[in-house]
PDB file of N, CA and C in Angstrom:
ATOM      1  N   MET A   1       0.853  -1.163   0.000  1.00  0.00           N
ATOM      2  CA  MET A   1       0.000   0.000   0.000  1.00  0.00           C
ATOM      3  C   MET A   1       0.905   1.234   0.000  1.00  0.00           C
ATOM      4  N   LEU A   2       0.715   2.099  -0.917  1.00  0.00           N
ATOM      5  CA  LEU A   2       1.547   3.285  -1.032  1.00  0.00           C
ATOM      6  C   LEU A   2       0.973   4.436  -0.236  1.00  0.00           C
ATOM      7  N   ARG A   3       1.840   5.340   0.157  1.00  0.00           N
ATOM      8  CA  ARG A   3       1.393   6.532   0.878  1.00  0.00           C
ATOM      9  C   ARG A   3       0.505   7.357  -0.057  1.00  0.00           C
ATOM     10  N   SER A   4      -0.542   7.912   0.512  1.00  0.00           N
ATOM     11  CA  SER A   4      -1.452   8.680  -0.331  1.00  0.00           C
ATOM     12  C   SER A   4      -1.872   9.953   0.391  1.00  0.00           C
ATOM     13  N   THR A   5      -2.697  10.713  -0.287  1.00  0.00           N
ATOM     14  CA  THR A   5      -3.189  11.968   0.287  1.00  0.00           C
ATOM     15  C   THR A   5      -4.517  11.766   1.005  1.00  0.00           C
ATOM     16  N   ARG A   6      -4.976  10.547   1.140  1.00  0.00           N
ATOM     17  CA  ARG A   6      -6.231  10.281   1.844  1.00  0.00           C
ATOM     18  C   ARG A   6      -6.102  10.748   3.285  1.00  0.00           C
ATOM     19  N   SER A   7      -7.201  11.249   3.830  1.00  0.00           N
ATOM     20  CA  SER A   7      -7.121  11.952   5.107  1.00  0.00           C
ATOM     21  C   SER A   7      -7.128  11.062   6.339  1.00  0.00           C
ATOM     22  N   THR A   8      -7.900   9.980   6.372  1.00  0.00           N
ATOM     23  CA  THR A   8      -7.948   9.162   7.580  1.00  0.00           C
ATOM     24  C   THR A   8      -7.105   7.904   7.408  1.00  0.00           C
ATOM     25  N   LEU A   9      -6.706   7.347   8.537  1.00  0.00           N
ATOM     26  CA  LEU A   9      -5.986   6.073   8.493  1.00  0.00           C
ATOM     27  C   LEU A   9      -6.859   5.006   7.839  1.00  0.00           C
ATOM     28  N   TYR A  10      -8.143   5.048   8.116  1.00  0.00           N
ATOM     29  CA  TYR A  10      -9.073   4.107   7.505  1.00  0.00           C
ATOM     30  C   TYR A  10      -8.931   4.132   5.986  1.00  0.00           C
ATOM     31  N   GLU A  11      -8.935   5.326   5.417  1.00  0.00           N
ATOM     32  CA  GLU A  11      -8.817   5.470   3.959  1.00  0.00           C
ATOM     33  C   GLU A  11      -7.427   5.050   3.477  1.00  0.00           C
ATOM     34  N   ARG A  12      -6.397   5.472   4.195  1.00  0.00           N
ATOM     35  CA  ARG A  12      -5.032   5.158   3.764  1.00  0.00           C
ATOM     36  C   ARG A  12      -4.735   3.663   3.838  1.00  0.00           C
ATOM     37  N   LEU A  13      -5.374   2.976   4.796  1.00  0.00           N
ATOM     38  CA  LEU A  13      -5.147   1.539   4.924  1.00  0.00           C
ATOM     39  C   LEU A  13      -5.950   0.737   3.903  1.00  0.00           C
ATOM     40  N   GLY A  14      -6.852   1.387   3.194  1.00  0.00           N
ATOM     41  CA  GLY A  14      -7.567   0.721   2.113  1.00  0.00           C
ATOM     42  C   GLY A  14      -8.992   0.335   2.433  1.00  0.00           C
ATOM     43  N   GLY A  15      -9.544   0.825   3.528  1.00  0.00           N
ATOM     44  CA  GLY A  15     -10.942   0.563   3.850  1.00  0.00           C
ATOM     45  C   GLY A  15     -11.174  -0.782   4.497  1.00  0.00           C
ATOM     46  N   GLU A  16     -12.434  -1.152   4.569  1.00  0.00           N
ATOM     47  CA  GLU A  16     -12.857  -2.324   5.337  1.00  0.00           C
ATOM     48  C   GLU A  16     -12.187  -3.620   4.897  1.00  0.00           C
ATOM     49  N   GLU A  17     -12.118  -3.859   3.621  1.00  0.00           N
ATOM     50  CA  GLU A  17     -11.545  -5.121   3.133  1.00  0.00           C
ATOM     51  C   GLU A  17     -10.073  -5.259   3.524  1.00  0.00           C
ATOM     52  N   SER A  18      -9.304  -4.203   3.336  1.00  0.00           N
ATOM     53  CA  SER A  18      -7.882  -4.239   3.686  1.00  0.00           C
ATOM     54  C   SER A  18      -7.681  -4.361   5.188  1.00  0.00           C
ATOM     55  N   ILE A  19      -8.477  -3.634   5.949  1.00  0.00           N
ATOM     56  CA  ILE A  19      -8.356  -3.685   7.405  1.00  0.00           C
ATOM     57  C   ILE A  19      -8.746  -5.070   7.910  1.00  0.00           C
ATOM     58  N   ALA A  20      -9.767  -5.664   7.319  1.00  0.00           N
ATOM     59  CA  ALA A  20     -10.166  -7.022   7.691  1.00  0.00           C
ATOM     60  C   ALA A  20      -9.026  -8.005   7.454  1.00  0.00           C
ATOM     61  N   ALA A  21      -8.300  -7.849   6.366  1.00  0.00           N
ATOM     62  CA  ALA A  21      -7.167  -8.731   6.070  1.00  0.00           C
ATOM     63  C   ALA A  21      -6.065  -8.558   7.111  1.00  0.00           C
ATOM     64  N   VAL A  22      -5.792  -7.326   7.496  1.00  0.00           N
ATOM     65  CA  VAL A  22      -4.760  -7.064   8.516  1.00  0.00           C
ATOM     66  C   VAL A  22      -5.182  -7.667   9.851  1.00  0.00           C
ATOM     67  N   ILE A  23      -6.436  -7.453  10.253  1.00  0.00           N
ATOM     68  CA  ILE A  23      -6.923  -7.976  11.527  1.00  0.00           C
ATOM     69  C   ILE A  23      -6.883  -9.504  11.526  1.00  0.00           C
ATOM     70  N   SER A  24      -7.263 -10.105  10.424  1.00  0.00           N
ATOM     71  CA  SER A  24      -7.222 -11.563  10.318  1.00  0.00           C
ATOM     72  C   SER A  24      -5.788 -12.070  10.474  1.00  0.00           C
ATOM     73  N   GLU A  25      -4.856 -11.430   9.799  1.00  0.00           N
ATOM     74  CA  GLU A  25      -3.441 -11.795   9.903  1.00  0.00           C
ATOM     75  C   GLU A  25      -2.949 -11.608  11.348  1.00  0.00           C
ATOM     76  N   PHE A  26      -3.337 -10.507  11.977  1.00  0.00           N
ATOM     77  CA  PHE A  26      -2.947 -10.236  13.356  1.00  0.00           C
ATOM     78  C   PHE A  26      -3.401 -11.371  14.277  1.00  0.00           C
ATOM     79  N   TYR A  27      -4.674 -11.755  14.187  1.00  0.00           N
ATOM     80  CA  TYR A  27      -5.173 -12.809  15.065  1.00  0.00           C
ATOM     81  C   TYR A  27      -4.578 -14.167  14.729  1.00  0.00           C
ATOM     82  N   ASP A  28      -4.266 -14.426  13.468  1.00  0.00           N
ATOM     83  CA  ASP A  28      -3.555 -15.657  13.130  1.00  0.00           C
ATOM     84  C   ASP A  28      -2.218 -15.697  13.864  1.00  0.00           C
ATOM     85  N   ARG A  29      -1.513 -14.575  13.866  1.00  0.00           N
ATOM     86  CA  ARG A  29      -0.221 -14.504  14.556  1.00  0.00           C
ATOM     87  C   ARG A  29      -0.382 -14.663  16.067  1.00  0.00           C
ATOM     88  N   MET A  30      -1.401 -14.009  16.630  1.00  0.00           N
ATOM     89  CA  MET A  30      -1.620 -14.068  18.078  1.00  0.00           C
ATOM     90  C   MET A  30      -1.993 -15.484  18.534  1.00  0.00           C
ATOM     91  N   THR A  31      -2.855 -16.164  17.784  1.00  0.00           N
ATOM     92  CA  THR A  31      -3.290 -17.496  18.202  1.00  0.00           C
ATOM     93  C   THR A  31      -2.211 -18.553  17.998  1.00  0.00           C
ATOM     94  N   GLN A  32      -1.196 -18.245  17.194  1.00  0.00           N
ATOM     95  CA  GLN A  32      -0.090 -19.174  16.991  1.00  0.00           C
ATOM     96  C   GLN A  32       1.078 -18.912  17.937  1.00  0.00           C
ATOM     97  N   ASP A  33       1.005 -17.855  18.712  1.00  0.00           N
ATOM     98  CA  ASP A  33       2.095 -17.467  19.618  1.00  0.00           C
ATOM     99  C   ASP A  33       1.796 -17.993  21.022  1.00  0.00           C
ATOM    100  N   ASP A  34       2.593 -18.961  21.472  1.00  0.00           N
ATOM    101  CA  ASP A  34       2.357 -19.584  22.772  1.00  0.00           C
ATOM    102  C   ASP A  34       2.505 -18.620  23.943  1.00  0.00           C
ATOM    103  N   ARG A  35       3.083 -17.468  23.731  1.00  0.00           N
ATOM    104  CA  ARG A  35       3.227 -16.483  24.813  1.00  0.00           C
ATOM    105  C   ARG A  35       1.909 -15.766  25.104  1.00  0.00           C
ATOM    106  N   VAL A  36       0.992 -15.750  24.133  1.00  0.00           N
ATOM    107  CA  VAL A  36      -0.259 -14.999  24.298  1.00  0.00           C
ATOM    108  C   VAL A  36      -1.517 -15.770  23.916  1.00  0.00           C
ATOM    109  N   ASN A  37      -1.387 -16.922  23.280  1.00  0.00           N
ATOM    110  CA  ASN A  37      -2.580 -17.587  22.756  1.00  0.00           C
ATOM    111  C   ASN A  37      -3.508 -18.127  23.847  1.00  0.00           C
ATOM    112  N   HIS A  38      -3.047 -18.201  25.086  1.00  0.00           N
ATOM    113  CA  HIS A  38      -3.932 -18.642  26.172  1.00  0.00           C
ATOM    114  C   HIS A  38      -5.105 -17.674  26.382  1.00  0.00           C
ATOM    115  N   HIS A  39      -4.956 -16.441  25.934  1.00  0.00           N
ATOM    116  CA  HIS A  39      -6.047 -15.471  26.060  1.00  0.00           C
ATOM    117  C   HIS A  39      -7.211 -15.767  25.103  1.00  0.00           C
ATOM    118  N   PHE A  40      -7.002 -16.667  24.152  1.00  0.00           N
ATOM    119  CA  PHE A  40      -8.012 -16.932  23.136  1.00  0.00           C
ATOM    120  C   PHE A  40      -8.672 -18.301  23.279  1.00  0.00           C
ATOM    121  N   ILE A  41      -8.329 -19.029  24.333  1.00  0.00           N
ATOM    122  CA  ILE A  41      -8.952 -20.336  24.572  1.00  0.00           C
ATOM    123  C   ILE A  41     -10.436 -20.125  24.852  1.00  0.00           C
ATOM    124  N   GLY A  42     -11.263 -20.819  24.093  1.00  0.00           N
ATOM    125  CA  GLY A  42     -12.707 -20.728  24.283  1.00  0.00           C
ATOM    126  C   GLY A  42     -13.346 -19.481  23.696  1.00  0.00           C
ATOM    127  N   VAL A  43     -12.576 -18.685  22.971  1.00  0.00           N
ATOM    128  CA  VAL A  43     -13.086 -17.451  22.374  1.00  0.00           C
ATOM    129  C   VAL A  43     -13.568 -17.739  20.955  1.00  0.00           C
ATOM    130  N   ASN A  44     -14.738 -17.222  20.600  1.00  0.00           N
ATOM    131  CA  ASN A  44     -15.224 -17.329  19.234  1.00  0.00           C
ATOM    132  C   ASN A  44     -14.431 -16.327  18.396  1.00  0.00           C
ATOM    133  N   MET A  45     -13.454 -16.823  17.662  1.00  0.00           N
ATOM    134  CA  MET A  45     -12.522 -15.947  16.946  1.00  0.00           C
ATOM    135  C   MET A  45     -13.196 -15.177  15.820  1.00  0.00           C
ATOM    136  N   GLU A  46     -14.212 -15.753  15.194  1.00  0.00           N
ATOM    137  CA  GLU A  46     -14.895 -15.013  14.127  1.00  0.00           C
ATOM    138  C   GLU A  46     -15.615 -13.796  14.688  1.00  0.00           C
ATOM    139  N   VAL A  47     -16.268 -13.966  15.823  1.00  0.00           N
ATOM    140  CA  VAL A  47     -16.941 -12.843  16.468  1.00  0.00           C
ATOM    141  C   VAL A  47     -15.907 -11.792  16.883  1.00  0.00           C
ATOM    142  N   LEU A  48     -14.808 -12.247  17.468  1.00  0.00           N
ATOM    143  CA  LEU A  48     -13.756 -11.322  17.889  1.00  0.00           C
ATOM    144  C   LEU A  48     -13.165 -10.565  16.695  1.00  0.00           C
ATOM    145  N   ARG A  49     -12.897 -11.259  15.614  1.00  0.00           N
ATOM    146  CA  ARG A  49     -12.349 -10.603  14.413  1.00  0.00           C
ATOM    147  C   ARG A  49     -13.313  -9.547  13.876  1.00  0.00           C
ATOM    148  N   ARG A  50     -14.590  -9.904  13.764  1.00  0.00           N
ATOM    149  CA  ARG A  50     -15.576  -8.943  13.262  1.00  0.00           C
ATOM    150  C   ARG A  50     -15.679  -7.731  14.183  1.00  0.00           C
ATOM    151  N   HIS A  51     -15.665  -7.985  15.475  1.00  0.00           N
ATOM    152  CA  HIS A  51     -15.731  -6.899  16.454  1.00  0.00           C
ATOM    153  C   HIS A  51     -14.524  -5.975  16.308  1.00  0.00           C
ATOM    154  N   GLN A  52     -13.346  -6.544  16.198  1.00  0.00           N
ATOM    155  CA  GLN A  52     -12.136  -5.731  16.085  1.00  0.00           C
ATOM    156  C   GLN A  52     -12.093  -4.954  14.779  1.00  0.00           C
ATOM    157  N   ILE A  53     -12.594  -5.537  13.728  1.00  0.00           N
ATOM    158  CA  ILE A  53     -12.628  -4.816  12.451  1.00  0.00           C
ATOM    159  C   ILE A  53     -13.499  -3.575  12.599  1.00  0.00           C
ATOM    160  N   THR A  54     -14.680  -3.744  13.199  1.00  0.00           N
ATOM    161  CA  THR A  54     -15.569  -2.600  13.421  1.00  0.00           C
ATOM    162  C   THR A  54     -14.924  -1.599  14.364  1.00  0.00           C
ATOM    163  N   TYR A  55     -14.352  -2.093  15.456  1.00  0.00           N
ATOM    164  CA  TYR A  55     -13.721  -1.212  16.433  1.00  0.00           C
ATOM    165  C   TYR A  55     -12.577  -0.431  15.792  1.00  0.00           C
ATOM    166  N   PHE A  56     -11.680  -1.148  15.123  1.00  0.00           N
ATOM    167  CA  PHE A  56     -10.530  -0.474  14.531  1.00  0.00           C
ATOM    168  C   PHE A  56     -10.949   0.520  13.460  1.00  0.00           C
ATOM    169  N   MET A  57     -11.910   0.123  12.645  1.00  0.00           N
ATOM    170  CA  MET A  57     -12.334   1.021  11.569  1.00  0.00           C
ATOM    171  C   MET A  57     -12.981   2.279  12.123  1.00  0.00           C
ATOM    172  N   SER A  58     -13.803   2.116  13.150  1.00  0.00           N
ATOM    173  CA  SER A  58     -14.561   3.271  13.603  1.00  0.00           C
ATOM    174  C   SER A  58     -13.802   4.128  14.603  1.00  0.00           C
ATOM    175  N   TYR A  59     -13.188   3.510  15.568  1.00  0.00           N
ATOM    176  CA  TYR A  59     -12.612   4.261  16.672  1.00  0.00           C
ATOM    177  C   TYR A  59     -11.150   4.635  16.409  1.00  0.00           C
ATOM    178  N   ALA A  60     -10.361   3.663  16.078  1.00  0.00           N
ATOM    179  CA  ALA A  60      -8.918   3.896  15.952  1.00  0.00           C
ATOM    180  C   ALA A  60      -8.522   4.533  14.629  1.00  0.00           C
ATOM    181  N   LEU A  61      -9.243   4.224  13.573  1.00  0.00           N
ATOM    182  CA  LEU A  61      -8.789   4.633  12.248  1.00  0.00           C
ATOM    183  C   LEU A  61      -9.644   5.698  11.577  1.00  0.00           C
ATOM    184  N   GLY A  62     -10.712   6.116  12.218  1.00  0.00           N
ATOM    185  CA  GLY A  62     -11.537   7.174  11.639  1.00  0.00           C
ATOM    186  C   GLY A  62     -12.439   6.718  10.514  1.00  0.00           C
ATOM    187  N   GLY A  63     -12.895   5.476  10.589  1.00  0.00           N
ATOM    188  CA  GLY A  63     -13.769   4.950   9.544  1.00  0.00           C
ATOM    189  C   GLY A  63     -15.208   5.393   9.703  1.00  0.00           C
ATOM    190  N   PRO A  64     -16.068   4.953   8.781  1.00  0.00           N
ATOM    191  CA  PRO A  64     -17.440   5.449   8.729  1.00  0.00           C
ATOM    192  C   PRO A  64     -18.400   4.813   9.726  1.00  0.00           C
ATOM    193  N   LYS A  65     -18.056   3.670  10.305  1.00  0.00           N
ATOM    194  CA  LYS A  65     -18.977   3.001  11.216  1.00  0.00           C
ATOM    195  C   LYS A  65     -18.845   3.566  12.624  1.00  0.00           C
ATOM    196  N   HIS A  66     -19.961   3.570  13.342  1.00  0.00           N
ATOM    197  CA  HIS A  66     -19.974   4.060  14.719  1.00  0.00           C
ATOM    198  C   HIS A  66     -19.853   2.874  15.663  1.00  0.00           C
ATOM    199  N   TYR A  67     -18.864   2.904  16.547  1.00  0.00           N
ATOM    200  CA  TYR A  67     -18.644   1.830  17.503  1.00  0.00           C
ATOM    201  C   TYR A  67     -19.508   2.039  18.731  1.00  0.00           C
ATOM    202  N   GLU A  68     -20.254   1.000  19.117  1.00  0.00           N
ATOM    203  CA  GLU A  68     -21.133   1.099  20.265  1.00  0.00           C
ATOM    204  C   GLU A  68     -20.907  -0.022  21.266  1.00  0.00           C
ATOM    205  N   GLY A  69     -19.739  -0.637  21.240  1.00  0.00           N
ATOM    206  CA  GLY A  69     -19.453  -1.750  22.140  1.00  0.00           C
ATOM    207  C   GLY A  69     -18.951  -1.289  23.492  1.00  0.00           C
ATOM    208  N   ASN A  70     -18.421  -2.253  24.236  1.00  0.00           N
ATOM    209  CA  ASN A  70     -17.868  -1.975  25.553  1.00  0.00           C
ATOM    210  C   ASN A  70     -16.672  -1.040  25.476  1.00  0.00           C
ATOM    211  N   THR A  71     -16.397  -0.386  26.592  1.00  0.00           N
ATOM    212  CA  THR A  71     -15.163   0.384  26.681  1.00  0.00           C
ATOM    213  C   THR A  71     -13.987  -0.597  26.644  1.00  0.00           C
ATOM    214  N   LEU A  72     -12.811  -0.102  26.325  1.00  0.00           N
ATOM    215  CA  LEU A  72     -11.628  -0.958  26.321  1.00  0.00           C
ATOM    216  C   LEU A  72     -11.415  -1.597  27.688  1.00  0.00           C
ATOM    217  N   ARG A  73     -11.572  -0.794  28.720  1.00  0.00           N
ATOM    218  CA  ARG A  73     -11.370  -1.295  30.086  1.00  0.00           C
ATOM    219  C   ARG A  73     -12.340  -2.446  30.392  1.00  0.00           C
ATOM    220  N   LYS A  74     -13.607  -2.277  30.044  1.00  0.00           N
ATOM    221  CA  LYS A  74     -14.604  -3.312  30.313  1.00  0.00           C
ATOM    222  C   LYS A  74     -14.367  -4.548  29.441  1.00  0.00           C
ATOM    223  N   ALA A  75     -14.045  -4.330  28.180  1.00  0.00           N
ATOM    224  CA  ALA A  75     -13.831  -5.439  27.252  1.00  0.00           C
ATOM    225  C   ALA A  75     -12.653  -6.317  27.660  1.00  0.00           C
ATOM    226  N   HIS A  76     -11.662  -5.736  28.343  1.00  0.00           N
ATOM    227  CA  HIS A  76     -10.465  -6.481  28.736  1.00  0.00           C
ATOM    228  C   HIS A  76     -10.464  -6.853  30.215  1.00  0.00           C
ATOM    229  N   SER A  77     -11.563  -6.545  30.896  1.00  0.00           N
ATOM    230  CA  SER A  77     -11.682  -6.844  32.320  1.00  0.00           C
ATOM    231  C   SER A  77     -11.563  -8.347  32.559  1.00  0.00           C
ATOM    232  N   GLY A  78     -10.732  -8.717  33.517  1.00  0.00           N
ATOM    233  CA  GLY A  78     -10.550 -10.111  33.870  1.00  0.00           C
ATOM    234  C   GLY A  78      -9.520 -10.851  33.037  1.00  0.00           C
ATOM    235  N   LEU A  79      -9.022 -10.233  31.983  1.00  0.00           N
ATOM    236  CA  LEU A  79      -8.027 -10.894  31.132  1.00  0.00           C
ATOM    237  C   LEU A  79      -6.625 -10.806  31.719  1.00  0.00           C
ATOM    238  N   ASN A  80      -6.392  -9.801  32.544  1.00  0.00           N
ATOM    239  CA  ASN A  80      -5.095  -9.601  33.185  1.00  0.00           C
ATOM    240  C   ASN A  80      -3.942  -9.653  32.176  1.00  0.00           C
ATOM    241  N   ILE A  81      -4.088  -8.939  31.099  1.00  0.00           N
ATOM    242  CA  ILE A  81      -3.057  -8.856  30.065  1.00  0.00           C
ATOM    243  C   ILE A  81      -1.872  -8.093  30.644  1.00  0.00           C
ATOM    244  N   THR A  82      -0.698  -8.687  30.526  1.00  0.00           N
ATOM    245  CA  THR A  82       0.500  -8.040  31.059  1.00  0.00           C
ATOM    246  C   THR A  82       1.041  -7.025  30.057  1.00  0.00           C
ATOM    247  N   SER A  83       1.908  -6.164  30.547  1.00  0.00           N
ATOM    248  CA  SER A  83       2.558  -5.202  29.673  1.00  0.00           C
ATOM    249  C   SER A  83       3.361  -5.923  28.587  1.00  0.00           C
ATOM    250  N   GLU A  84       4.018  -7.007  28.965  1.00  0.00           N
ATOM    251  CA  GLU A  84       4.815  -7.787  28.007  1.00  0.00           C
ATOM    252  C   GLU A  84       3.922  -8.381  26.916  1.00  0.00           C
ATOM    253  N   GLU A  85       2.755  -8.917  27.318  1.00  0.00           N
ATOM    254  CA  GLU A  85       1.833  -9.482  26.334  1.00  0.00           C
ATOM    255  C   GLU A  85       1.305  -8.401  25.400  1.00  0.00           C
ATOM    256  N   TYR A  86       1.069  -7.225  25.942  1.00  0.00           N
ATOM    257  CA  TYR A  86       0.599  -6.112  25.121  1.00  0.00           C
ATOM    258  C   TYR A  86       1.649  -5.728  24.083  1.00  0.00           C
ATOM    259  N   GLU A  87       2.909  -5.719  24.489  1.00  0.00           N
ATOM    260  CA  GLU A  87       3.994  -5.410  23.552  1.00  0.00           C
ATOM    261  C   GLU A  87       4.090  -6.468  22.454  1.00  0.00           C
ATOM    262  N   ILE A  88       3.857  -7.722  22.817  1.00  0.00           N
ATOM    263  CA  ILE A  88       3.838  -8.796  21.814  1.00  0.00           C
ATOM    264  C   ILE A  88       2.723  -8.535  20.803  1.00  0.00           C
ATOM    265  N   ALA A  89       1.551  -8.120  21.301  1.00  0.00           N
ATOM    266  CA  ALA A  89       0.424  -7.827  20.403  1.00  0.00           C
ATOM    267  C   ALA A  89       0.770  -6.682  19.453  1.00  0.00           C
ATOM    268  N   ILE A  90       1.409  -5.645  19.973  1.00  0.00           N
ATOM    269  CA  ILE A  90       1.808  -4.522  19.119  1.00  0.00           C
ATOM    270  C   ILE A  90       2.764  -5.004  18.031  1.00  0.00           C
ATOM    271  N   LYS A  91       3.714  -5.847  18.390  1.00  0.00           N
ATOM    272  CA  LYS A  91       4.669  -6.367  17.397  1.00  0.00           C
ATOM    273  C   LYS A  91       3.952  -7.193  16.338  1.00  0.00           C
ATOM    274  N   HIS A  92       2.983  -8.009  16.763  1.00  0.00           N
ATOM    275  CA  HIS A  92       2.240  -8.812  15.781  1.00  0.00           C
ATOM    276  C   HIS A  92       1.406  -7.925  14.858  1.00  0.00           C
ATOM    277  N   LEU A  93       0.794  -6.884  15.402  1.00  0.00           N
ATOM    278  CA  LEU A  93       0.016  -5.983  14.544  1.00  0.00           C
ATOM    279  C   LEU A  93       0.936  -5.239  13.583  1.00  0.00           C
ATOM    280  N   ASN A  94       2.082  -4.777  14.066  1.00  0.00           N
ATOM    281  CA  ASN A  94       3.047  -4.120  13.181  1.00  0.00           C
ATOM    282  C   ASN A  94       3.467  -5.053  12.050  1.00  0.00           C
ATOM    283  N   SER A  95       3.721  -6.315  12.370  1.00  0.00           N
ATOM    284  CA  SER A  95       4.110  -7.295  11.344  1.00  0.00           C
ATOM    285  C   SER A  95       2.990  -7.507  10.336  1.00  0.00           C
ATOM    286  N   ALA A  96       1.750  -7.569  10.821  1.00  0.00           N
ATOM    287  CA  ALA A  96       0.612  -7.737   9.914  1.00  0.00           C
ATOM    288  C   ALA A  96       0.474  -6.525   9.001  1.00  0.00           C
ATOM    289  N   LEU A  97       0.651  -5.332   9.549  1.00  0.00           N
ATOM    290  CA  LEU A  97       0.581  -4.114   8.737  1.00  0.00           C
ATOM    291  C   LEU A  97       1.693  -4.091   7.689  1.00  0.00           C
ATOM    292  N   ARG A  98       2.889  -4.490   8.082  1.00  0.00           N
ATOM    293  CA  ARG A  98       4.008  -4.535   7.120  1.00  0.00           C
ATOM    294  C   ARG A  98       3.743  -5.546   6.013  1.00  0.00           C
ATOM    295  N   LYS A  99       3.156  -6.691   6.382  1.00  0.00           N
ATOM    296  CA  LYS A  99       2.860  -7.720   5.372  1.00  0.00           C
ATOM    297  C   LYS A  99       1.979  -7.154   4.260  1.00  0.00           C
ATOM    298  N   PHE A 100       1.083  -6.229   4.623  1.00  0.00           N
ATOM    299  CA  PHE A 100       0.181  -5.637   3.634  1.00  0.00           C
ATOM    300  C   PHE A 100       0.685  -4.284   3.131  1.00  0.00           C
ATOM    301  N   ASN A 101       1.979  -4.050   3.286  1.00  0.00           N
ATOM    302  CA  ASN A 101       2.662  -2.885   2.711  1.00  0.00           C
ATOM    303  C   ASN A 101       2.103  -1.541   3.164  1.00  0.00           C
ATOM    304  N   VAL A 102       1.693  -1.471   4.421  1.00  0.00           N
ATOM    305  CA  VAL A 102       1.232  -0.201   4.976  1.00  0.00           C
ATOM    306  C   VAL A 102       2.444   0.706   5.175  1.00  0.00           C
ATOM    307  N   ALA A 103       2.283   1.971   4.852  1.00  0.00           N
ATOM    308  CA  ALA A 103       3.378   2.943   4.968  1.00  0.00           C
ATOM    309  C   ALA A 103       3.856   3.020   6.419  1.00  0.00           C
ATOM    310  N   ILE A 104       5.155   3.151   6.600  1.00  0.00           N
ATOM    311  CA  ILE A 104       5.751   3.195   7.934  1.00  0.00           C
ATOM    312  C   ILE A 104       5.143   4.308   8.792  1.00  0.00           C
ATOM    313  N   GLU A 105       4.815   5.426   8.177  1.00  0.00           N
ATOM    314  CA  GLU A 105       4.204   6.530   8.925  1.00  0.00           C
ATOM    315  C   GLU A 105       2.843   6.123   9.495  1.00  0.00           C
ATOM    316  N   ASP A 106       2.096   5.345   8.737  1.00  0.00           N
ATOM    317  CA  ASP A 106       0.789   4.899   9.203  1.00  0.00           C
ATOM    318  C   ASP A 106       0.915   3.790  10.246  1.00  0.00           C
ATOM    319  N   ILE A 107       1.914   2.937  10.093  1.00  0.00           N
ATOM    320  CA  ILE A 107       2.184   1.935  11.130  1.00  0.00           C
ATOM    321  C   ILE A 107       2.518   2.649  12.439  1.00  0.00           C
ATOM    322  N   ALA A 108       3.313   3.693  12.358  1.00  0.00           N
ATOM    323  CA  ALA A 108       3.663   4.467  13.556  1.00  0.00           C
ATOM    324  C   ALA A 108       2.428   5.106  14.178  1.00  0.00           C
ATOM    325  N   ARG A 109       1.505   5.576  13.358  1.00  0.00           N
ATOM    326  CA  ARG A 109       0.271   6.173  13.889  1.00  0.00           C
ATOM    327  C   ARG A 109      -0.592   5.133  14.606  1.00  0.00           C
ATOM    328  N   VAL A 110      -0.700   3.941  14.020  1.00  0.00           N
ATOM    329  CA  VAL A 110      -1.464   2.868  14.659  1.00  0.00           C
ATOM    330  C   VAL A 110      -0.805   2.495  15.978  1.00  0.00           C
ATOM    331  N   GLU A 111       0.512   2.366  15.967  1.00  0.00           N
ATOM    332  CA  GLU A 111       1.223   2.021  17.201  1.00  0.00           C
ATOM    333  C   GLU A 111       1.059   3.114  18.257  1.00  0.00           C
ATOM    334  N   ALA A 112       1.112   4.354  17.854  1.00  0.00           N
ATOM    335  CA  ALA A 112       0.918   5.458  18.811  1.00  0.00           C
ATOM    336  C   ALA A 112      -0.468   5.371  19.447  1.00  0.00           C
ATOM    337  N   PHE A 113      -1.475   5.065  18.645  1.00  0.00           N
ATOM    338  CA  PHE A 113      -2.817   4.890  19.193  1.00  0.00           C
ATOM    339  C   PHE A 113      -2.833   3.744  20.199  1.00  0.00           C
ATOM    340  N   LEU A 114      -2.247   2.607  19.824  1.00  0.00           N
ATOM    341  CA  LEU A 114      -2.242   1.455  20.725  1.00  0.00           C
ATOM    342  C   LEU A 114      -1.530   1.777  22.039  1.00  0.00           C
ATOM    343  N   ARG A 115      -0.464   2.535  21.962  1.00  0.00           N
ATOM    344  CA  ARG A 115       0.253   2.913  23.191  1.00  0.00           C
ATOM    345  C   ARG A 115      -0.591   3.872  24.037  1.00  0.00           C
ATOM    346  N   SER A 116      -1.394   4.695  23.383  1.00  0.00           N
ATOM    347  CA  SER A 116      -2.225   5.649  24.134  1.00  0.00           C
ATOM    348  C   SER A 116      -3.335   4.954  24.921  1.00  0.00           C
ATOM    349  N   VAL A 117      -3.785   3.801  24.449  1.00  0.00           N
ATOM    350  CA  VAL A 117      -4.865   3.095  25.152  1.00  0.00           C
ATOM    351  C   VAL A 117      -4.354   1.961  26.035  1.00  0.00           C
ATOM    352  N   LYS A 118      -3.069   1.741  26.044  1.00  0.00           N
ATOM    353  CA  LYS A 118      -2.484   0.646  26.832  1.00  0.00           C
ATOM    354  C   LYS A 118      -2.929   0.662  28.293  1.00  0.00           C
ATOM    355  N   PRO A 119      -2.953   1.813  28.976  1.00  0.00           N
ATOM    356  CA  PRO A 119      -3.380   1.811  30.385  1.00  0.00           C
ATOM    357  C   PRO A 119      -4.809   1.319  30.604  1.00  0.00           C
ATOM    358  N   HIS A 120      -5.630   1.354  29.569  1.00  0.00           N
ATOM    359  CA  HIS A 120      -7.012   0.894  29.684  1.00  0.00           C
ATOM    360  C   HIS A 120      -7.162  -0.608  29.473  1.00  0.00           C
ATOM    361  N   ILE A 121      -6.063  -1.266  29.086  1.00  0.00           N
ATOM    362  CA  ILE A 121      -6.127  -2.669  28.713  1.00  0.00           C
ATOM    363  C   ILE A 121      -5.303  -3.574  29.630  1.00  0.00           C
ATOM    364  N   ILE A 122      -4.109  -3.157  30.002  1.00  0.00           N
ATOM    365  CA  ILE A 122      -3.261  -4.058  30.780  1.00  0.00           C
ATOM    366  C   ILE A 122      -3.667  -4.113  32.245  1.00  0.00           C
ATOM    367  N   TYR A 123      -3.419  -5.274  32.821  1.00  0.00           N
ATOM    368  CA  TYR A 123      -3.672  -5.558  34.248  1.00  0.00           C
ATOM    369  C   TYR A 123      -5.112  -5.272  34.663  1.00  0.00           C
ATOM    370  N   LYS A 124      -6.062  -5.509  33.786  1.00  0.00           N
ATOM    371  CA  LYS A 124      -7.485  -5.288  34.101  1.00  0.00           C
ATOM    372  C   LYS A 124      -8.159  -6.607  34.392  1.00  0.00           C
TER     373      LYS A 124
END
């Protein structure tokens, strides 16, 4: 994906179809990583993927859909995700974004967003 003049990350990443591919790749990486895959035991991954696509498109990337789900804190309550596990997730998402040729500047923007919400997710 080449850098463009599109205004939102949603547009620059290629819209719903492209974001869905990145999210799918991200979860494939997460569920194959023994350091973090215990968080997905018993989880309906299709529901989770669809939820994250909507969440990422609407909230994190400035897409057209309105997110009406749980807060990050509530959604991650009881998971007790460690700071180390969160960093692993960021690395997997960065790798998924690189696989789909997302511009480094946009990868940095996604990572900056993820770091900004980290306190709402870890140790909850």
